[in-house]
Amino acid sequence: MNKLTFSIIMPAYNVEEFVENAISSVTQQTYQNYELIIVDDCSTDNTVDVVKKINDPRIVILRQPRNMGACAARNRGIDESRGSIIAFQDSDDLWNERKLERQI
């Protein structure tokens, strides 16, 4: 099995209307050797439910014990990552489908 290349860290807080599109822009990458770690920062909307509906084994969702901000969420994602390269994506951002291919 190939070693995991990218760990993509995505902090999320109350982004139910954006997060599905952000995730899609990752899952549609031309380079597919990654994990996507979504760190929910105690959202009060349906962000977690939206993420859980996406059936992709590369997606991991972590929940913060309390709202701690985006920096703490990113740091937790890094702590839990298994890839050799870290990439950050905001939960309301969209990537070009060749972003990881170009980064590698």
PDB file of N, CA and C in Angstrom:
ATOM      1  N   MET A   1       0.840  -1.184   0.000  1.00  0.00           N
ATOM      2  CA  MET A   1       0.000   0.000   0.000  1.00  0.00           C
ATOM      3  C   MET A   1       0.884   1.246   0.000  1.00  0.00           C
ATOM      4  N   ASN A   2       0.517   2.230  -0.777  1.00  0.00           N
ATOM      5  CA  ASN A   2       1.268   3.474  -0.848  1.00  0.00           C
ATOM      6  C   ASN A   2       1.086   4.280   0.425  1.00  0.00           C
ATOM      7  N   LYS A   3       2.149   4.959   0.823  1.00  0.00           N
ATOM      8  CA  LYS A   3       2.059   5.848   1.967  1.00  0.00           C
ATOM      9  C   LYS A   3       1.153   7.019   1.621  1.00  0.00           C
ATOM     10  N   LEU A   4       0.363   7.435   2.580  1.00  0.00           N
ATOM     11  CA  LEU A   4      -0.542   8.564   2.403  1.00  0.00           C
ATOM     12  C   LEU A   4       0.263   9.833   2.170  1.00  0.00           C
ATOM     13  N   THR A   5      -0.039  10.542   1.108  1.00  0.00           N
ATOM     14  CA  THR A   5       0.711  11.741   0.761  1.00  0.00           C
ATOM     15  C   THR A   5       0.184  12.969   1.474  1.00  0.00           C
ATOM     16  N   PHE A   6      -1.086  13.309   1.253  1.00  0.00           N
ATOM     17  CA  PHE A   6      -1.646  14.548   1.795  1.00  0.00           C
ATOM     18  C   PHE A   6      -2.584  14.294   2.954  1.00  0.00           C
ATOM     19  N   SER A   7      -2.483  15.141   3.949  1.00  0.00           N
ATOM     20  CA  SER A   7      -3.523  15.292   4.967  1.00  0.00           C
ATOM     21  C   SER A   7      -4.075  16.690   4.770  1.00  0.00           C
ATOM     22  N   ILE A   8      -5.334  16.745   4.387  1.00  0.00           N
ATOM     23  CA  ILE A   8      -6.001  18.024   4.164  1.00  0.00           C
ATOM     24  C   ILE A   8      -6.788  18.343   5.418  1.00  0.00           C
ATOM     25  N   ILE A   9      -6.511  19.479   5.996  1.00  0.00           N
ATOM     26  CA  ILE A   9      -7.144  19.895   7.243  1.00  0.00           C
ATOM     27  C   ILE A   9      -8.172  20.977   6.928  1.00  0.00           C
ATOM     28  N   MET A  10      -9.414  20.741   7.362  1.00  0.00           N
ATOM     29  CA  MET A  10     -10.492  21.687   7.113  1.00  0.00           C
ATOM     30  C   MET A  10     -11.213  22.004   8.434  1.00  0.00           C
ATOM     31  N   PRO A  11     -10.944  23.173   9.036  1.00  0.00           N
ATOM     32  CA  PRO A  11     -11.727  23.570  10.202  1.00  0.00           C
ATOM     33  C   PRO A  11     -13.143  23.940   9.746  1.00  0.00           C
ATOM     34  N   ALA A  12     -14.118  23.657  10.584  1.00  0.00           N
ATOM     35  CA  ALA A  12     -15.506  23.954  10.214  1.00  0.00           C
ATOM     36  C   ALA A  12     -16.278  24.484  11.419  1.00  0.00           C
ATOM     37  N   TYR A  13     -17.015  25.552  11.185  1.00  0.00           N
ATOM     38  CA  TYR A  13     -17.891  26.094  12.223  1.00  0.00           C
ATOM     39  C   TYR A  13     -19.097  26.746  11.548  1.00  0.00           C
ATOM     40  N   ASN A  14     -20.264  26.150  11.736  1.00  0.00           N
ATOM     41  CA  ASN A  14     -21.527  26.678  11.207  1.00  0.00           C
ATOM     42  C   ASN A  14     -21.446  26.978   9.707  1.00  0.00           C
ATOM     43  N   VAL A  15     -21.042  25.981   8.947  1.00  0.00           N
ATOM     44  CA  VAL A  15     -20.892  26.153   7.495  1.00  0.00           C
ATOM     45  C   VAL A  15     -21.734  25.145   6.713  1.00  0.00           C
ATOM     46  N   GLU A  16     -22.889  24.782   7.251  1.00  0.00           N
ATOM     47  CA  GLU A  16     -23.704  23.758   6.590  1.00  0.00           C
ATOM     48  C   GLU A  16     -24.029  24.106   5.146  1.00  0.00           C
ATOM     49  N   GLU A  17     -24.141  25.373   4.814  1.00  0.00           N
ATOM     50  CA  GLU A  17     -24.496  25.742   3.445  1.00  0.00           C
ATOM     51  C   GLU A  17     -23.308  25.720   2.477  1.00  0.00           C
ATOM     52  N   PHE A  18     -22.089  25.634   2.991  1.00  0.00           N
ATOM     53  CA  PHE A  18     -20.894  25.679   2.142  1.00  0.00           C
ATOM     54  C   PHE A  18     -20.073  24.391   2.148  1.00  0.00           C
ATOM     55  N   VAL A  19     -20.103  23.649   3.241  1.00  0.00           N
ATOM     56  CA  VAL A  19     -19.132  22.574   3.447  1.00  0.00           C
ATOM     57  C   VAL A  19     -19.245  21.450   2.420  1.00  0.00           C
ATOM     58  N   GLU A  20     -20.418  21.132   1.960  1.00  0.00           N
ATOM     59  CA  GLU A  20     -20.556  20.057   0.976  1.00  0.00           C
ATOM     60  C   GLU A  20     -19.819  20.393  -0.324  1.00  0.00           C
ATOM     61  N   ASN A  21     -19.935  21.622  -0.777  1.00  0.00           N
ATOM     62  CA  ASN A  21     -19.218  22.041  -1.987  1.00  0.00           C
ATOM     63  C   ASN A  21     -17.709  22.057  -1.760  1.00  0.00           C
ATOM     64  N   ALA A  22     -17.288  22.486  -0.580  1.00  0.00           N
ATOM     65  CA  ALA A  22     -15.856  22.489  -0.268  1.00  0.00           C
ATOM     66  C   ALA A  22     -15.302  21.069  -0.290  1.00  0.00           C
ATOM     67  N   ILE A  23     -16.041  20.136   0.298  1.00  0.00           N
ATOM     68  CA  ILE A  23     -15.619  18.734   0.302  1.00  0.00           C
ATOM     69  C   ILE A  23     -15.588  18.190  -1.119  1.00  0.00           C
ATOM     70  N   SER A  24     -16.594  18.501  -1.916  1.00  0.00           N
ATOM     71  CA  SER A  24     -16.630  18.041  -3.312  1.00  0.00           C
ATOM     72  C   SER A  24     -15.416  18.514  -4.090  1.00  0.00           C
ATOM     73  N   SER A  25     -14.960  19.725  -3.811  1.00  0.00           N
ATOM     74  CA  SER A  25     -13.791  20.223  -4.531  1.00  0.00           C
ATOM     75  C   SER A  25     -12.532  19.447  -4.146  1.00  0.00           C
ATOM     76  N   VAL A  26     -12.548  18.786  -3.000  1.00  0.00           N
ATOM     77  CA  VAL A  26     -11.438  17.910  -2.616  1.00  0.00           C
ATOM     78  C   VAL A  26     -11.620  16.527  -3.240  1.00  0.00           C
ATOM     79  N   THR A  27     -12.799  15.952  -3.127  1.00  0.00           N
ATOM     80  CA  THR A  27     -13.005  14.590  -3.633  1.00  0.00           C
ATOM     81  C   THR A  27     -12.892  14.506  -5.152  1.00  0.00           C
ATOM     82  N   GLN A  28     -12.998  15.621  -5.844  1.00  0.00           N
ATOM     83  CA  GLN A  28     -12.878  15.644  -7.300  1.00  0.00           C
ATOM     84  C   GLN A  28     -11.456  15.965  -7.778  1.00  0.00           C
ATOM     85  N   GLN A  29     -10.508  15.920  -6.874  1.00  0.00           N
ATOM     86  CA  GLN A  29      -9.119  16.183  -7.247  1.00  0.00           C
ATOM     87  C   GLN A  29      -8.598  15.117  -8.204  1.00  0.00           C
ATOM     88  N   THR A  30      -7.713  15.508  -9.114  1.00  0.00           N
ATOM     89  CA  THR A  30      -7.074  14.549 -10.005  1.00  0.00           C
ATOM     90  C   THR A  30      -6.056  13.705  -9.247  1.00  0.00           C
ATOM     91  N   TYR A  31      -5.501  14.229  -8.177  1.00  0.00           N
ATOM     92  CA  TYR A  31      -4.579  13.487  -7.311  1.00  0.00           C
ATOM     93  C   TYR A  31      -5.387  12.988  -6.124  1.00  0.00           C
ATOM     94  N   GLN A  32      -5.420  11.682  -5.904  1.00  0.00           N
ATOM     95  CA  GLN A  32      -6.362  11.090  -4.959  1.00  0.00           C
ATOM     96  C   GLN A  32      -5.732  10.490  -3.701  1.00  0.00           C
ATOM     97  N   ASN A  33      -4.432  10.608  -3.509  1.00  0.00           N
ATOM     98  CA  ASN A  33      -3.788   9.992  -2.343  1.00  0.00           C
ATOM     99  C   ASN A  33      -3.791  10.978  -1.161  1.00  0.00           C
ATOM    100  N   TYR A  34      -4.916  11.023  -0.474  1.00  0.00           N
ATOM    101  CA  TYR A  34      -5.081  11.987   0.624  1.00  0.00           C
ATOM    102  C   TYR A  34      -6.093  11.469   1.638  1.00  0.00           C
ATOM    103  N   GLU A  35      -6.080  12.121   2.780  1.00  0.00           N
ATOM    104  CA  GLU A  35      -7.164  12.032   3.757  1.00  0.00           C
ATOM    105  C   GLU A  35      -7.659  13.452   3.961  1.00  0.00           C
ATOM    106  N   LEU A  36      -8.937  13.587   4.226  1.00  0.00           N
ATOM    107  CA  LEU A  36      -9.528  14.889   4.517  1.00  0.00           C
ATOM    108  C   LEU A  36     -10.003  14.861   5.957  1.00  0.00           C
ATOM    109  N   ILE A  37      -9.373  15.675   6.786  1.00  0.00           N
ATOM    110  CA  ILE A  37      -9.725  15.741   8.201  1.00  0.00           C
ATOM    111  C   ILE A  37     -10.517  17.022   8.427  1.00  0.00           C
ATOM    112  N   ILE A  38     -11.785  16.853   8.761  1.00  0.00           N
ATOM    113  CA  ILE A  38     -12.655  17.991   9.039  1.00  0.00           C
ATOM    114  C   ILE A  38     -12.783  18.098  10.547  1.00  0.00           C
ATOM    115  N   VAL A  39     -12.408  19.249  11.084  1.00  0.00           N
ATOM    116  CA  VAL A  39     -12.474  19.461  12.523  1.00  0.00           C
ATOM    117  C   VAL A  39     -13.605  20.443  12.801  1.00  0.00           C
ATOM    118  N   ASP A  40     -14.702  19.906  13.334  1.00  0.00           N
ATOM    119  CA  ASP A  40     -15.853  20.746  13.658  1.00  0.00           C
ATOM    120  C   ASP A  40     -15.614  21.422  15.002  1.00  0.00           C
ATOM    121  N   ASP A  41     -15.767  22.728  15.019  1.00  0.00           N
ATOM    122  CA  ASP A  41     -15.481  23.542  16.205  1.00  0.00           C
ATOM    123  C   ASP A  41     -16.774  23.870  16.962  1.00  0.00           C
ATOM    124  N   CYS A  42     -17.553  22.819  17.255  1.00  0.00           N
ATOM    125  CA  CYS A  42     -18.811  22.940  18.018  1.00  0.00           C
ATOM    126  C   CYS A  42     -19.879  23.736  17.257  1.00  0.00           C
ATOM    127  N   SER A  43     -20.079  23.380  16.007  1.00  0.00           N
ATOM    128  CA  SER A  43     -21.124  24.037  15.217  1.00  0.00           C
ATOM    129  C   SER A  43     -22.484  23.877  15.886  1.00  0.00           C
ATOM    130  N   THR A  44     -23.310  24.891  15.715  1.00  0.00           N
ATOM    131  CA  THR A  44     -24.669  24.843  16.257  1.00  0.00           C
ATOM    132  C   THR A  44     -25.699  24.642  15.148  1.00  0.00           C
ATOM    133  N   ASP A  45     -25.236  24.503  13.914  1.00  0.00           N
ATOM    134  CA  ASP A  45     -26.136  24.233  12.791  1.00  0.00           C
ATOM    135  C   ASP A  45     -25.976  22.756  12.391  1.00  0.00           C
ATOM    136  N   ASN A  46     -26.275  22.416  11.168  1.00  0.00           N
ATOM    137  CA  ASN A  46     -26.224  21.022  10.711  1.00  0.00           C
ATOM    138  C   ASN A  46     -24.929  20.663   9.981  1.00  0.00           C
ATOM    139  N   THR A  47     -23.852  21.360  10.258  1.00  0.00           N
ATOM    140  CA  THR A  47     -22.578  21.089   9.593  1.00  0.00           C
ATOM    141  C   THR A  47     -22.175  19.624   9.722  1.00  0.00           C
ATOM    142  N   VAL A  48     -22.207  19.084  10.915  1.00  0.00           N
ATOM    143  CA  VAL A  48     -21.774  17.700  11.146  1.00  0.00           C
ATOM    144  C   VAL A  48     -22.659  16.719  10.385  1.00  0.00           C
ATOM    145  N   ASP A  49     -23.962  16.951  10.366  1.00  0.00           N
ATOM    146  CA  ASP A  49     -24.881  16.071   9.642  1.00  0.00           C
ATOM    147  C   ASP A  49     -24.588  16.076   8.147  1.00  0.00           C
ATOM    148  N   VAL A  50     -24.290  17.244   7.600  1.00  0.00           N
ATOM    149  CA  VAL A  50     -23.963  17.348   6.174  1.00  0.00           C
ATOM    150  C   VAL A  50     -22.715  16.521   5.869  1.00  0.00           C
ATOM    151  N   VAL A  51     -21.697  16.637   6.705  1.00  0.00           N
ATOM    152  CA  VAL A  51     -20.449  15.901   6.484  1.00  0.00           C
ATOM    153  C   VAL A  51     -20.681  14.398   6.622  1.00  0.00           C
ATOM    154  N   LYS A  52     -21.427  13.983   7.616  1.00  0.00           N
ATOM    155  CA  LYS A  52     -21.662  12.557   7.855  1.00  0.00           C
ATOM    156  C   LYS A  52     -22.425  11.890   6.713  1.00  0.00           C
ATOM    157  N   LYS A  53     -23.184  12.640   5.948  1.00  0.00           N
ATOM    158  CA  LYS A  53     -23.931  12.075   4.821  1.00  0.00           C
ATOM    159  C   LYS A  53     -23.035  11.730   3.636  1.00  0.00           C
ATOM    160  N   ILE A  54     -21.825  12.252   3.626  1.00  0.00           N
ATOM    161  CA  ILE A  54     -20.895  11.997   2.518  1.00  0.00           C
ATOM    162  C   ILE A  54     -20.163  10.692   2.813  1.00  0.00           C
ATOM    163  N   ASN A  55     -20.342   9.734   1.931  1.00  0.00           N
ATOM    164  CA  ASN A  55     -19.784   8.403   2.131  1.00  0.00           C
ATOM    165  C   ASN A  55     -18.447   8.284   1.402  1.00  0.00           C
ATOM    166  N   ASP A  56     -17.381   8.609   2.105  1.00  0.00           N
ATOM    167  CA  ASP A  56     -16.042   8.517   1.529  1.00  0.00           C
ATOM    168  C   ASP A  56     -15.090   8.140   2.664  1.00  0.00           C
ATOM    169  N   PRO A  57     -14.436   6.987   2.567  1.00  0.00           N
ATOM    170  CA  PRO A  57     -13.573   6.524   3.668  1.00  0.00           C
ATOM    171  C   PRO A  57     -12.362   7.418   3.922  1.00  0.00           C
ATOM    172  N   ARG A  58     -12.050   8.314   2.998  1.00  0.00           N
ATOM    173  CA  ARG A  58     -10.907   9.217   3.201  1.00  0.00           C
ATOM    174  C   ARG A  58     -11.270  10.397   4.085  1.00  0.00           C
ATOM    175  N   ILE A  59     -12.558  10.575   4.365  1.00  0.00           N
ATOM    176  CA  ILE A  59     -13.009  11.717   5.162  1.00  0.00           C
ATOM    177  C   ILE A  59     -13.147  11.309   6.623  1.00  0.00           C
ATOM    178  N   VAL A  60     -12.492  12.079   7.469  1.00  0.00           N
ATOM    179  CA  VAL A  60     -12.550  11.884   8.915  1.00  0.00           C
ATOM    180  C   VAL A  60     -13.143  13.154   9.513  1.00  0.00           C
ATOM    181  N   ILE A  61     -14.111  13.004  10.413  1.00  0.00           N
ATOM    182  CA  ILE A  61     -14.627  14.189  11.100  1.00  0.00           C
ATOM    183  C   ILE A  61     -14.298  14.077  12.578  1.00  0.00           C
ATOM    184  N   LEU A  62     -13.725  15.147  13.097  1.00  0.00           N
ATOM    185  CA  LEU A  62     -13.402  15.253  14.518  1.00  0.00           C
ATOM    186  C   LEU A  62     -14.216  16.398  15.091  1.00  0.00           C
ATOM    187  N   ARG A  63     -14.608  16.272  16.338  1.00  0.00           N
ATOM    188  CA  ARG A  63     -15.372  17.345  16.979  1.00  0.00           C
ATOM    189  C   ARG A  63     -14.583  17.872  18.171  1.00  0.00           C
ATOM    190  N   GLN A  64     -14.445  19.178  18.222  1.00  0.00           N
ATOM    191  CA  GLN A  64     -13.782  19.810  19.345  1.00  0.00           C
ATOM    192  C   GLN A  64     -14.672  19.701  20.586  1.00  0.00           C
ATOM    193  N   PRO A  65     -14.090  19.623  21.774  1.00  0.00           N
ATOM    194  CA  PRO A  65     -14.886  19.529  22.995  1.00  0.00           C
ATOM    195  C   PRO A  65     -15.616  20.834  23.336  1.00  0.00           C
ATOM    196  N   ARG A  66     -15.066  21.934  22.836  1.00  0.00           N
ATOM    197  CA  ARG A  66     -15.689  23.257  23.016  1.00  0.00           C
ATOM    198  C   ARG A  66     -15.181  24.138  21.881  1.00  0.00           C
ATOM    199  N   ASN A  67     -15.872  25.235  21.632  1.00  0.00           N
ATOM    200  CA  ASN A  67     -15.464  26.152  20.576  1.00  0.00           C
ATOM    201  C   ASN A  67     -14.124  26.769  20.947  1.00  0.00           C
ATOM    202  N   MET A  68     -13.115  26.539  20.087  1.00  0.00           N
ATOM    203  CA  MET A  68     -11.759  26.994  20.394  1.00  0.00           C
ATOM    204  C   MET A  68     -11.148  27.818  19.266  1.00  0.00           C
ATOM    205  N   GLY A  69     -11.863  27.985  18.152  1.00  0.00           N
ATOM    206  CA  GLY A  69     -11.368  28.787  17.049  1.00  0.00           C
ATOM    207  C   GLY A  69     -10.656  27.965  15.990  1.00  0.00           C
ATOM    208  N   ALA A  70     -10.487  28.592  14.833  1.00  0.00           N
ATOM    209  CA  ALA A  70      -9.925  27.915  13.659  1.00  0.00           C
ATOM    210  C   ALA A  70      -8.484  27.455  13.873  1.00  0.00           C
ATOM    211  N   CYS A  71      -7.685  28.237  14.568  1.00  0.00           N
ATOM    212  CA  CYS A  71      -6.281  27.843  14.782  1.00  0.00           C
ATOM    213  C   CYS A  71      -6.195  26.550  15.590  1.00  0.00           C
ATOM    214  N   ALA A  72      -6.980  26.444  16.649  1.00  0.00           N
ATOM    215  CA  ALA A  72      -6.988  25.222  17.456  1.00  0.00           C
ATOM    216  C   ALA A  72      -7.504  24.042  16.639  1.00  0.00           C
ATOM    217  N   ALA A  73      -8.503  24.281  15.795  1.00  0.00           N
ATOM    218  CA  ALA A  73      -9.022  23.213  14.939  1.00  0.00           C
ATOM    219  C   ALA A  73      -7.948  22.739  13.964  1.00  0.00           C
ATOM    220  N   ARG A  74      -7.225  23.663  13.359  1.00  0.00           N
ATOM    221  CA  ARG A  74      -6.141  23.282  12.445  1.00  0.00           C
ATOM    222  C   ARG A  74      -5.065  22.482  13.181  1.00  0.00           C
ATOM    223  N   ASN A  75      -4.698  22.941  14.366  1.00  0.00           N
ATOM    224  CA  ASN A  75      -3.677  22.238  15.144  1.00  0.00           C
ATOM    225  C   ASN A  75      -4.121  20.822  15.504  1.00  0.00           C
ATOM    226  N   ARG A  76      -5.377  20.656  15.858  1.00  0.00           N
ATOM    227  CA  ARG A  76      -5.879  19.311  16.161  1.00  0.00           C
ATOM    228  C   ARG A  76      -5.824  18.442  14.911  1.00  0.00           C
ATOM    229  N   GLY A  77      -6.204  19.008  13.781  1.00  0.00           N
ATOM    230  CA  GLY A  77      -6.123  18.260  12.533  1.00  0.00           C
ATOM    231  C   GLY A  77      -4.706  17.809  12.231  1.00  0.00           C
ATOM    232  N   ILE A  78      -3.749  18.687  12.449  1.00  0.00           N
ATOM    233  CA  ILE A  78      -2.340  18.327  12.246  1.00  0.00           C
ATOM    234  C   ILE A  78      -1.951  17.191  13.182  1.00  0.00           C
ATOM    235  N   ASP A  79      -2.353  17.296  14.449  1.00  0.00           N
ATOM    236  CA  ASP A  79      -2.025  16.253  15.427  1.00  0.00           C
ATOM    237  C   ASP A  79      -2.569  14.888  15.018  1.00  0.00           C
ATOM    238  N   GLU A  80      -3.712  14.868  14.356  1.00  0.00           N
ATOM    239  CA  GLU A  80      -4.368  13.613  13.962  1.00  0.00           C
ATOM    240  C   GLU A  80      -3.971  13.152  12.557  1.00  0.00           C
ATOM    241  N   SER A  81      -3.186  13.938  11.847  1.00  0.00           N
ATOM    242  CA  SER A  81      -2.885  13.646  10.443  1.00  0.00           C
ATOM    243  C   SER A  81      -1.908  12.483  10.296  1.00  0.00           C
ATOM    244  N   ARG A  82      -1.999  11.820   9.132  1.00  0.00           N
ATOM    245  CA  ARG A  82      -1.124  10.694   8.820  1.00  0.00           C
ATOM    246  C   ARG A  82      -0.320  10.919   7.548  1.00  0.00           C
ATOM    247  N   GLY A  83      -0.619  11.982   6.815  1.00  0.00           N
ATOM    248  CA  GLY A  83       0.064  12.246   5.550  1.00  0.00           C
ATOM    249  C   GLY A  83       1.429  12.877   5.744  1.00  0.00           C
ATOM    250  N   SER A  84       2.216  12.834   4.692  1.00  0.00           N
ATOM    251  CA  SER A  84       3.550  13.437   4.764  1.00  0.00           C
ATOM    252  C   SER A  84       3.533  14.920   4.387  1.00  0.00           C
ATOM    253  N   ILE A  85       2.440  15.386   3.769  1.00  0.00           N
ATOM    254  CA  ILE A  85       2.287  16.791   3.400  1.00  0.00           C
ATOM    255  C   ILE A  85       0.958  17.286   3.951  1.00  0.00           C
ATOM    256  N   ILE A  86       0.973  18.443   4.588  1.00  0.00           N
ATOM    257  CA  ILE A  86      -0.246  19.059   5.118  1.00  0.00           C
ATOM    258  C   ILE A  86      -0.746  20.092   4.118  1.00  0.00           C
ATOM    259  N   ALA A  87      -2.040  20.080   3.875  1.00  0.00           N
ATOM    260  CA  ALA A  87      -2.686  21.111   3.059  1.00  0.00           C
ATOM    261  C   ALA A  87      -3.879  21.622   3.862  1.00  0.00           C
ATOM    262  N   PHE A  88      -4.112  22.904   3.804  1.00  0.00           N
ATOM    263  CA  PHE A  88      -5.246  23.499   4.514  1.00  0.00           C
ATOM    264  C   PHE A  88      -6.301  23.948   3.522  1.00  0.00           C
ATOM    265  N   GLN A  89      -7.538  23.724   3.872  1.00  0.00           N
ATOM    266  CA  GLN A  89      -8.643  24.240   3.087  1.00  0.00           C
ATOM    267  C   GLN A  89      -9.693  24.791   4.045  1.00  0.00           C
ATOM    268  N   ASP A  90     -10.185  25.970   3.746  1.00  0.00           N
ATOM    269  CA  ASP A  90     -11.282  26.530   4.526  1.00  0.00           C
ATOM    270  C   ASP A  90     -12.582  25.863   4.100  1.00  0.00           C
ATOM    271  N   SER A  91     -13.521  25.776   4.999  1.00  0.00           N
ATOM    272  CA  SER A  91     -14.767  25.044   4.757  1.00  0.00           C
ATOM    273  C   SER A  91     -15.737  25.782   3.846  1.00  0.00           C
ATOM    274  N   ASP A  92     -15.395  26.992   3.443  1.00  0.00           N
ATOM    275  CA  ASP A  92     -16.222  27.731   2.484  1.00  0.00           C
ATOM    276  C   ASP A  92     -15.426  28.035   1.213  1.00  0.00           C
ATOM    277  N   ASP A  93     -14.368  27.275   0.978  1.00  0.00           N
ATOM    278  CA  ASP A  93     -13.479  27.505  -0.155  1.00  0.00           C
ATOM    279  C   ASP A  93     -13.630  26.377  -1.168  1.00  0.00           C
ATOM    280  N   LEU A  94     -13.316  26.655  -2.426  1.00  0.00           N
ATOM    281  CA  LEU A  94     -13.347  25.655  -3.478  1.00  0.00           C
ATOM    282  C   LEU A  94     -11.970  25.572  -4.120  1.00  0.00           C
ATOM    283  N   TRP A  95     -11.508  24.355  -4.344  1.00  0.00           N
ATOM    284  CA  TRP A  95     -10.224  24.133  -4.988  1.00  0.00           C
ATOM    285  C   TRP A  95     -10.398  23.828  -6.469  1.00  0.00           C
ATOM    286  N   ASN A  96      -9.442  24.267  -7.265  1.00  0.00           N
ATOM    287  CA  ASN A  96      -9.319  23.818  -8.643  1.00  0.00           C
ATOM    288  C   ASN A  96      -9.042  22.315  -8.599  1.00  0.00           C
ATOM    289  N   GLU A  97      -9.592  21.564  -9.547  1.00  0.00           N
ATOM    290  CA  GLU A  97      -9.483  20.102  -9.496  1.00  0.00           C
ATOM    291  C   GLU A  97      -8.047  19.582  -9.614  1.00  0.00           C
ATOM    292  N   ARG A  98      -7.113  20.422 -10.017  1.00  0.00           N
ATOM    293  CA  ARG A  98      -5.704  19.995 -10.141  1.00  0.00           C
ATOM    294  C   ARG A  98      -4.824  20.579  -9.034  1.00  0.00           C
ATOM    295  N   LYS A  99      -5.399  21.129  -8.010  1.00  0.00           N
ATOM    296  CA  LYS A  99      -4.638  21.788  -6.946  1.00  0.00           C
ATOM    297  C   LYS A  99      -3.606  20.851  -6.320  1.00  0.00           C
ATOM    298  N   LEU A 100      -4.015  19.652  -5.875  1.00  0.00           N
ATOM    299  CA  LEU A 100      -3.073  18.738  -5.233  1.00  0.00           C
ATOM    300  C   LEU A 100      -2.039  18.211  -6.223  1.00  0.00           C
ATOM    301  N   GLU A 101      -2.458  17.926  -7.427  1.00  0.00           N
ATOM    302  CA  GLU A 101      -1.534  17.472  -8.467  1.00  0.00           C
ATOM    303  C   GLU A 101      -0.431  18.505  -8.685  1.00  0.00           C
ATOM    304  N   ARG A 102      -0.808  19.747  -8.753  1.00  0.00           N
ATOM    305  CA  ARG A 102       0.178  20.818  -8.938  1.00  0.00           C
ATOM    306  C   ARG A 102       1.032  21.011  -7.700  1.00  0.00           C
ATOM    307  N   GLN A 103       0.443  20.846  -6.521  1.00  0.00           N
ATOM    308  CA  GLN A 103       1.200  21.027  -5.291  1.00  0.00           C
ATOM    309  C   GLN A 103       2.252  19.939  -5.137  1.00  0.00           C
ATOM    310  N   ILE A 104       1.915  18.707  -5.508  1.00  0.00           N
ATOM    311  CA  ILE A 104       2.860  17.608  -5.364  1.00  0.00           C
ATOM    312  C   ILE A 104       4.012  17.770  -6.348  1.00  0.00           C
TER     313      ILE A 104
END
